[in-house]
């Protein structure tokens, strides 16, 4: 038998708010792995709030035990998702111990979650609902939440030297926001241990946490490059380009494409450059002091992108184009093809080309024709207008 607690409206409001917030952020960037991870975090938090309600509402000890086990399992999975999210923003870095091995990390989180959940045995009913009769589940939870806070702090310190100005403040805000869910849970558990009776509404800390993370993602658009207008002087004549078109520059060097970017910027357009050439070289050569340049590199760091992360690349370029008419320039398509399935790269280009047409922007892609097969070259030439000697 289930008799809802008088606090049921509060629990349900928390659950609804958490899931609604995650859904809103997901709709703002369905292609972003960060937005999808955030949605998973809010979904787990929402389900956890419902389970909080069930723990104080169920009538039998057996029901309470299984509900609490599920609650503990999902809470640790949620913390695992939160730590993974902390390694993705404001720029991706490898996880501590697991590096980039996501599968090993996720299996470890699931194993730890299951083991901790199974530590829940007999239950007792107090004035605030059911709780485990043994202190073991709470001790394990406290230990794991403390480890989580340590990992968050270490992750912040690891990326600190590579951040400057606003990005440092953003990293602190995101880390602090993700820490809140653990801090509030630990605070409630500590007060209960000292006999201070407070409603066990763990979802309150989760709601504050996900709200602040969502604010950071949407307000600062952490994963979408800023639009900048700056004069850039081309060094030689360039072909005339038309808005709403995609161009394939077939040259052994990307210089002609970058000259075209400089020409369009001199006319007042903003640009976003994706390149294998180091950004410092491009900035020095074309006087691009503030234009966002994303370096395709497997070494993690600010303004860098692992070439295998095509989903994030799609999210960033689409978000930039949707801000207004602009130039997207890509050098290093061969490198993307080398690190991904060809069809995935072609889908990315097709999506970007379609978005460029709709928004009246310009897409420039530079390739060395000698590095392509006849089939690859034919597909690219069918999708874009060719510029060559």
Protein backbone atom coordinates (compact mmCIF):
# COMPACT_ATOMS: atom_id res chain seq x y z
CA UNK A 1 0.00 0.00 0.00
CA UNK A 2 1.24 3.49 -0.87
CA UNK A 3 0.14 6.56 1.07
CA UNK A 4 1.61 9.71 -0.43
CA UNK A 5 3.52 11.98 1.91
CA UNK A 6 2.28 15.55 2.52
CA UNK A 7 5.51 16.59 0.78
CA UNK A 8 4.46 14.79 -2.42
CA UNK A 9 3.84 18.06 -4.36
CA UNK A 10 7.38 19.22 -3.55
CA UNK A 11 8.96 15.94 -4.72
CA UNK A 12 6.90 15.89 -7.92
CA UNK A 13 7.64 19.55 -8.65
CA UNK A 14 11.36 18.84 -8.31
CA UNK A 15 11.11 15.85 -10.65
CA UNK A 16 9.14 17.79 -13.26
CA UNK A 17 11.47 20.81 -13.07
CA UNK A 18 14.61 18.71 -13.45
CA UNK A 19 13.36 16.74 -16.45
CA UNK A 20 11.84 19.84 -18.10
CA UNK A 21 15.13 21.72 -17.74
CA UNK A 22 17.08 18.84 -19.26
CA UNK A 23 14.62 18.56 -22.14
CA UNK A 24 14.92 22.28 -22.88
CA UNK A 25 18.72 22.14 -23.00
CA UNK A 26 18.56 19.03 -25.19
CA UNK A 27 16.28 20.79 -27.67
CA UNK A 28 18.81 23.64 -27.87
CA UNK A 29 21.50 21.24 -29.08
CA UNK A 30 20.44 17.69 -29.81
CA UNK A 31 23.70 17.04 -31.68
CA UNK A 32 25.89 17.94 -28.72
CA UNK A 33 27.22 15.07 -26.56
CA UNK A 34 27.34 17.57 -23.69
CA UNK A 35 23.66 18.44 -24.01
CA UNK A 36 22.75 14.76 -24.22
CA UNK A 37 24.82 13.95 -21.13
CA UNK A 38 23.16 16.84 -19.31
CA UNK A 39 19.73 15.49 -20.27
CA UNK A 40 20.71 12.07 -18.90
CA UNK A 41 21.80 13.78 -15.67
CA UNK A 42 18.47 15.60 -15.28
CA UNK A 43 16.49 12.47 -16.15
CA UNK A 44 18.29 10.53 -13.42
CA UNK A 45 17.73 13.41 -10.99
CA UNK A 46 14.02 13.53 -11.85
CA UNK A 47 13.55 9.79 -11.38
CA UNK A 48 15.50 10.06 -8.13
CA UNK A 49 13.09 12.70 -6.82
CA UNK A 50 10.17 10.37 -7.54
CA UNK A 51 11.98 7.57 -5.70
CA UNK A 52 12.58 9.93 -2.76
CA UNK A 53 8.81 10.33 -2.61
CA UNK A 54 8.23 6.58 -2.82
CA UNK A 55 10.67 5.89 0.03
CA UNK A 56 8.57 8.04 2.38
CA UNK A 57 5.25 6.75 1.00
CA UNK A 58 5.41 2.94 0.63
CA UNK A 59 3.77 0.86 3.32
CA UNK A 60 5.91 -2.28 3.60
CA UNK A 61 9.54 -2.84 4.51
CA UNK A 62 10.15 -4.99 1.43
CA UNK A 63 8.85 -2.28 -0.91
CA UNK A 64 10.94 0.31 0.90
CA UNK A 65 14.09 -1.81 0.62
CA UNK A 66 13.80 -2.31 -3.14
CA UNK A 67 12.89 1.35 -3.68
CA UNK A 68 15.88 2.51 -1.64
CA UNK A 69 18.19 0.12 -3.49
CA UNK A 70 17.05 1.58 -6.81
CA UNK A 71 17.46 5.10 -5.41
CA UNK A 72 21.04 4.39 -4.34
CA UNK A 73 21.85 2.75 -7.68
CA UNK A 74 20.55 5.73 -9.68
CA UNK A 75 22.22 8.27 -7.40
CA UNK A 76 25.66 6.77 -7.99
CA UNK A 77 25.02 6.49 -11.74
CA UNK A 78 23.96 10.15 -11.67
CA UNK A 79 27.19 11.13 -9.94
CA UNK A 80 29.09 9.13 -12.57
CA UNK A 81 27.36 11.05 -15.35
CA UNK A 82 28.07 14.33 -13.56
CA UNK A 83 31.80 13.59 -13.32
CA UNK A 84 31.90 12.61 -16.99
CA UNK A 85 30.16 15.90 -17.81
CA UNK A 86 32.78 17.83 -15.83
CA UNK A 87 35.49 16.44 -18.13
CA UNK A 88 33.63 17.66 -21.24
CA UNK A 89 33.20 21.38 -20.47
CA UNK A 90 34.44 24.00 -21.09
CA UNK A 91 36.72 21.76 -23.19
CA UNK A 92 37.22 17.96 -23.19
CA UNK A 93 40.01 16.40 -21.15
CA UNK A 94 40.69 12.72 -20.37
CA UNK A 95 39.07 11.25 -17.26
CA UNK A 96 41.24 10.44 -14.27
CA UNK A 97 42.27 6.74 -14.27
CA UNK A 98 40.17 5.90 -17.35
CA UNK A 99 41.47 8.46 -19.86
CA UNK A 100 39.24 8.35 -22.92
CA UNK A 101 38.04 4.77 -22.33
CA UNK A 102 34.36 5.57 -21.85
CA UNK A 103 33.17 1.96 -21.86
CA UNK A 104 35.50 0.92 -19.04
CA UNK A 105 34.40 3.95 -17.04
CA UNK A 106 30.69 3.29 -17.53
CA UNK A 107 31.03 -0.39 -16.64
CA UNK A 108 32.93 0.55 -13.49
CA UNK A 109 30.24 3.05 -12.48
CA UNK A 110 27.51 0.47 -13.03
CA UNK A 111 29.43 -2.13 -11.01
CA UNK A 112 30.01 0.25 -8.09
CA UNK A 113 26.38 1.39 -8.22
CA UNK A 114 25.10 -2.18 -8.10
CA UNK A 115 27.41 -3.21 -5.26
CA UNK A 116 26.42 -0.19 -3.17
CA UNK A 117 22.72 -0.72 -3.84
CA UNK A 118 22.98 -4.34 -2.71
CA UNK A 119 24.42 -3.17 0.63
CA UNK A 120 20.90 -2.01 1.56
CA UNK A 121 19.32 -4.63 3.82
CA UNK A 122 16.66 -4.27 6.50
CA UNK A 123 14.72 -1.01 6.67
CA UNK A 124 13.21 0.93 9.58
CA UNK A 125 10.47 3.55 9.47
CA UNK A 126 10.99 6.85 11.27
CA UNK A 127 9.00 10.07 11.25
CA UNK A 128 10.43 11.05 7.86
CA UNK A 129 10.06 7.72 6.04
CA UNK A 130 12.02 4.54 5.53
CA UNK A 131 15.79 4.34 6.03
CA UNK A 132 18.26 1.42 6.12
CA UNK A 133 18.67 -0.12 9.54
CA UNK A 134 22.41 -0.45 8.92
CA UNK A 135 24.79 2.49 8.57
CA UNK A 136 26.75 0.68 5.82
CA UNK A 137 24.81 2.09 2.80
CA UNK A 138 25.17 5.65 4.10
CA UNK A 139 28.87 5.13 4.83
CA UNK A 140 29.46 3.85 1.29
CA UNK A 141 27.46 6.73 -0.18
CA UNK A 142 29.39 9.28 1.86
CA UNK A 143 32.69 7.73 0.74
CA UNK A 144 31.71 7.71 -2.95
CA UNK A 145 30.36 11.28 -2.84
CA UNK A 146 33.59 12.44 -1.23
CA UNK A 147 35.59 10.70 -3.98
CA UNK A 148 33.37 12.45 -6.52
CA UNK A 149 34.14 15.87 -5.00
CA UNK A 150 37.85 15.07 -5.03
CA UNK A 151 37.68 14.07 -8.71
CA UNK A 152 35.86 17.31 -9.57
CA UNK A 153 38.54 19.34 -7.81
CA UNK A 154 41.39 17.43 -9.47
CA UNK A 155 39.76 17.85 -12.88
CA UNK A 156 39.50 21.60 -12.35
CA UNK A 157 43.18 21.83 -11.35
CA UNK A 158 44.26 19.73 -14.35
CA UNK A 159 42.63 22.09 -16.83
CA UNK A 160 43.37 25.32 -14.93
CA UNK A 161 46.72 26.17 -16.55
CA UNK A 162 45.20 25.96 -20.03
CA UNK A 163 42.37 28.40 -19.27
CA UNK A 164 42.35 32.17 -19.39
CA UNK A 165 40.01 34.93 -18.25
CA UNK A 166 36.35 34.12 -18.76
CA UNK A 167 37.02 30.42 -19.34
CA UNK A 168 38.53 30.14 -15.86
CA UNK A 169 35.40 31.64 -14.30
CA UNK A 170 33.22 29.36 -16.40
CA UNK A 171 35.17 26.29 -15.28
CA UNK A 172 34.79 27.30 -11.63
CA UNK A 173 31.04 27.87 -12.03
CA UNK A 174 30.45 24.54 -13.78
CA UNK A 175 32.58 22.62 -11.27
CA UNK A 176 30.86 24.30 -8.33
CA UNK A 177 27.43 23.62 -9.81
CA UNK A 178 28.18 19.93 -10.29
CA UNK A 179 29.51 19.73 -6.73
CA UNK A 180 26.27 21.04 -5.20
CA UNK A 181 24.33 17.79 -5.68
CA UNK A 182 26.93 15.90 -3.62
CA UNK A 183 27.35 18.63 -1.01
CA UNK A 184 23.61 18.86 -0.29
CA UNK A 185 23.27 15.06 -0.08
CA UNK A 186 26.23 14.85 2.30
CA UNK A 187 24.79 17.69 4.40
CA UNK A 188 21.42 15.94 4.78
CA UNK A 189 23.12 12.66 5.68
CA UNK A 190 25.39 14.40 8.21
CA UNK A 191 22.49 16.16 9.94
CA UNK A 192 20.60 12.87 10.14
CA UNK A 193 23.66 11.21 11.71
CA UNK A 194 23.69 13.88 14.43
CA UNK A 195 19.98 13.48 15.10
CA UNK A 196 18.87 16.66 13.33
CA UNK A 197 15.61 15.85 11.58
CA UNK A 198 15.22 17.47 8.15
CA UNK A 199 13.09 16.28 5.21
CA UNK A 200 15.21 14.02 3.02
CA UNK A 201 14.61 15.99 -0.17
CA UNK A 202 17.87 15.18 -1.94
CA UNK A 203 16.42 16.44 -5.21
CA UNK A 204 16.63 20.04 -4.00
CA UNK A 205 20.41 20.03 -4.33
CA UNK A 206 20.13 18.28 -7.68
CA UNK A 207 17.74 20.95 -8.99
CA UNK A 208 20.05 23.79 -7.95
CA UNK A 209 22.97 21.95 -9.53
CA UNK A 210 21.35 21.27 -12.89
CA UNK A 211 19.88 24.77 -13.03
CA UNK A 212 23.31 26.36 -12.67
CA UNK A 213 24.87 24.00 -15.22
CA UNK A 214 22.03 24.73 -17.67
CA UNK A 215 22.52 28.45 -17.12
CA UNK A 216 26.21 28.10 -17.92
CA UNK A 217 25.55 26.09 -21.08
CA UNK A 218 22.85 28.41 -22.43
CA UNK A 219 23.90 31.82 -21.12
CA UNK A 220 27.56 31.59 -22.10
CA UNK A 221 27.04 29.18 -25.01
CA UNK A 222 30.15 27.36 -23.86
CA UNK A 223 30.18 25.03 -26.84
CA UNK A 224 29.39 27.51 -29.62
CA UNK A 225 32.21 29.78 -30.85
CA UNK A 226 31.60 33.54 -30.46
CA UNK A 227 30.91 35.68 -33.51
CA UNK A 228 33.69 38.20 -34.09
CA UNK A 229 34.07 40.81 -36.81
CA UNK A 230 37.64 41.88 -37.50
CA UNK A 231 39.35 43.15 -40.65
CA UNK A 232 41.62 40.63 -42.33
CA UNK A 233 43.54 41.64 -45.42
CA UNK A 234 43.89 39.08 -48.26
CA UNK A 235 47.34 38.91 -49.82
CA UNK A 236 46.19 38.26 -53.41
CA UNK A 237 43.06 38.20 -55.60
CA UNK A 238 40.54 35.49 -54.73
CA UNK A 239 37.56 33.93 -56.53
CA UNK A 240 34.18 35.58 -56.08
CA UNK A 241 31.99 33.68 -53.61
CA UNK A 242 28.20 33.71 -53.26
CA UNK A 243 26.29 33.43 -49.99
CA UNK A 244 24.33 30.23 -49.57
CA UNK A 245 26.94 28.15 -51.40
CA UNK A 246 29.51 25.51 -50.47
CA UNK A 247 32.93 25.50 -52.15
CA UNK A 248 35.56 22.77 -52.42
CA UNK A 249 39.10 24.18 -52.80
CA UNK A 250 41.24 21.56 -54.54
CA UNK A 251 44.80 22.73 -53.97
CA UNK A 252 47.89 21.15 -52.48
CA UNK A 253 47.98 24.01 -49.96
CA UNK A 254 45.05 25.54 -48.02
CA UNK A 255 46.37 29.07 -48.58
CA UNK A 256 43.86 29.90 -51.31
CA UNK A 257 40.96 29.01 -49.05
CA UNK A 258 42.32 31.09 -46.18
CA UNK A 259 42.82 34.01 -48.59
CA UNK A 260 39.13 33.72 -49.47
CA UNK A 261 38.23 33.72 -45.78
CA UNK A 262 40.26 36.90 -45.29
CA UNK A 263 38.50 38.49 -48.28
CA UNK A 264 35.03 37.72 -46.91
CA UNK A 265 36.01 38.98 -43.46
CA UNK A 266 37.26 42.21 -45.01
CA UNK A 267 33.71 42.58 -46.35
CA UNK A 268 32.25 42.37 -42.84
CA UNK A 269 31.45 38.67 -42.37
CA UNK A 270 32.28 36.64 -39.27
CA UNK A 271 34.22 33.41 -39.67
CA UNK A 272 34.74 30.14 -37.83
CA UNK A 273 37.83 28.20 -38.90
CA UNK A 274 38.46 24.48 -38.36
CA UNK A 275 42.05 23.60 -39.20
CA UNK A 276 44.91 21.14 -38.90
CA UNK A 277 47.32 24.06 -39.11
CA UNK A 278 48.10 25.37 -35.64
CA UNK A 279 45.96 28.44 -34.81
CA UNK A 280 49.00 30.55 -33.88
CA UNK A 281 50.34 30.22 -37.43
CA UNK A 282 47.02 31.24 -38.97
CA UNK A 283 46.59 34.19 -36.62
CA UNK A 284 50.06 35.49 -37.39
CA UNK A 285 49.76 35.07 -41.16
CA UNK A 286 46.24 36.47 -41.61
CA UNK A 287 46.02 38.85 -38.61
CA UNK A 288 43.16 36.87 -37.06
CA UNK A 289 43.51 37.98 -33.47
CA UNK A 290 39.98 37.17 -32.24
CA UNK A 291 38.37 34.95 -34.89
CA UNK A 292 37.52 31.52 -33.39
CA UNK A 293 39.85 28.81 -34.70
CA UNK A 294 39.35 25.18 -33.73
CA UNK A 295 42.44 23.03 -33.99
CA UNK A 296 41.88 19.40 -35.02
CA UNK A 297 44.21 17.55 -32.67
CA UNK A 298 44.12 14.49 -30.45
CA UNK A 299 45.90 16.33 -27.65
CA UNK A 300 43.20 17.76 -25.33
CA UNK A 301 43.09 21.46 -24.53
CA UNK A 302 41.18 24.71 -25.08
CA UNK A 303 40.05 25.43 -28.65
CA UNK A 304 40.99 21.92 -29.75
CA UNK A 305 38.81 19.10 -31.02
CA UNK A 306 39.53 15.41 -31.24
CA UNK A 307 38.98 14.53 -34.93
CA UNK A 308 36.85 11.54 -33.93
CA UNK A 309 34.32 13.78 -32.14
CA UNK A 310 32.24 14.59 -35.22
CA UNK A 311 29.07 15.05 -33.16
CA UNK A 312 30.55 17.92 -31.18
CA UNK A 313 32.00 19.41 -34.34
CA UNK A 314 28.53 19.31 -35.90
CA UNK A 315 26.99 21.01 -32.86
CA UNK A 316 29.58 23.80 -32.82
CA UNK A 317 29.43 24.59 -36.54
CA UNK A 318 25.63 24.44 -36.69
CA UNK A 319 25.34 26.69 -33.64
CA UNK A 320 27.71 29.23 -35.19
CA UNK A 321 25.90 29.30 -38.55
CA UNK A 322 22.51 29.76 -36.87
CA UNK A 323 23.71 32.95 -35.22
CA UNK A 324 23.73 34.69 -38.60
CA UNK A 325 25.35 34.88 -42.01
CA UNK A 326 28.97 33.78 -41.68
CA UNK A 327 31.86 31.85 -43.21
CA UNK A 328 32.74 28.32 -42.13
CA UNK A 329 36.21 27.30 -43.33
CA UNK A 330 37.53 23.77 -42.93
CA UNK A 331 41.07 22.59 -43.51
CA UNK A 332 41.88 19.01 -42.57
CA UNK A 333 39.04 17.07 -44.14
CA UNK A 334 41.49 14.29 -44.97
CA UNK A 335 42.35 14.05 -41.26
CA UNK A 336 38.66 13.73 -40.37
CA UNK A 337 38.26 10.96 -42.94
CA UNK A 338 41.28 9.17 -41.53
CA UNK A 339 39.81 9.14 -38.01
CA UNK A 340 36.15 8.44 -38.83
CA UNK A 341 33.89 6.36 -40.99
CA UNK A 342 33.61 8.08 -44.37
CA UNK A 343 29.80 8.09 -44.26
CA UNK A 344 29.83 9.91 -40.91
CA UNK A 345 32.06 12.67 -42.31
CA UNK A 346 29.94 12.98 -45.45
CA UNK A 347 26.76 13.25 -43.36
CA UNK A 348 28.39 16.02 -41.34
CA UNK A 349 29.31 17.93 -44.50
CA UNK A 350 25.84 17.43 -45.99
CA UNK A 351 24.15 18.73 -42.83
CA UNK A 352 26.48 21.71 -42.68
CA UNK A 353 26.00 22.50 -46.37
CA UNK A 354 22.22 22.44 -46.00
CA UNK A 355 22.38 24.74 -42.97
CA UNK A 356 24.68 27.13 -44.84
CA UNK A 357 22.20 27.32 -47.71
CA UNK A 358 19.28 28.04 -45.37
CA UNK A 359 21.14 30.70 -43.36
CA UNK A 360 22.79 32.42 -46.34
CA UNK A 361 26.30 31.62 -45.15
CA UNK A 362 29.36 30.30 -47.00
CA UNK A 363 31.08 26.95 -46.51
CA UNK A 364 34.70 26.57 -47.63
CA UNK A 365 36.46 23.20 -47.56
CA UNK A 366 40.09 22.77 -48.55
CA UNK A 367 41.44 19.38 -49.65
CA UNK A 368 44.56 18.11 -51.33
CA UNK A 369 43.14 16.13 -54.29
CA UNK A 370 46.14 13.80 -54.17
CA UNK A 371 45.00 12.54 -50.74
CA UNK A 372 41.53 11.48 -51.97
CA UNK A 373 40.36 8.41 -53.81
CA UNK A 374 38.42 8.89 -57.03
CA UNK A 375 35.19 7.93 -55.24
CA UNK A 376 35.77 10.36 -52.36
CA UNK A 377 36.60 13.15 -54.75
CA UNK A 378 33.53 12.48 -56.90
CA UNK A 379 31.21 12.57 -53.87
CA UNK A 380 32.67 15.83 -52.59
CA UNK A 381 32.55 17.48 -56.01
CA UNK A 382 28.89 16.52 -56.34
CA UNK A 383 28.05 18.22 -53.02
CA UNK A 384 30.10 21.40 -53.48
CA UNK A 385 31.24 23.79 -56.18
CA UNK A 386 34.86 23.15 -57.10
CA UNK A 387 37.54 25.84 -57.02
CA UNK A 388 40.90 24.82 -58.50
CA UNK A 389 43.73 25.99 -60.69
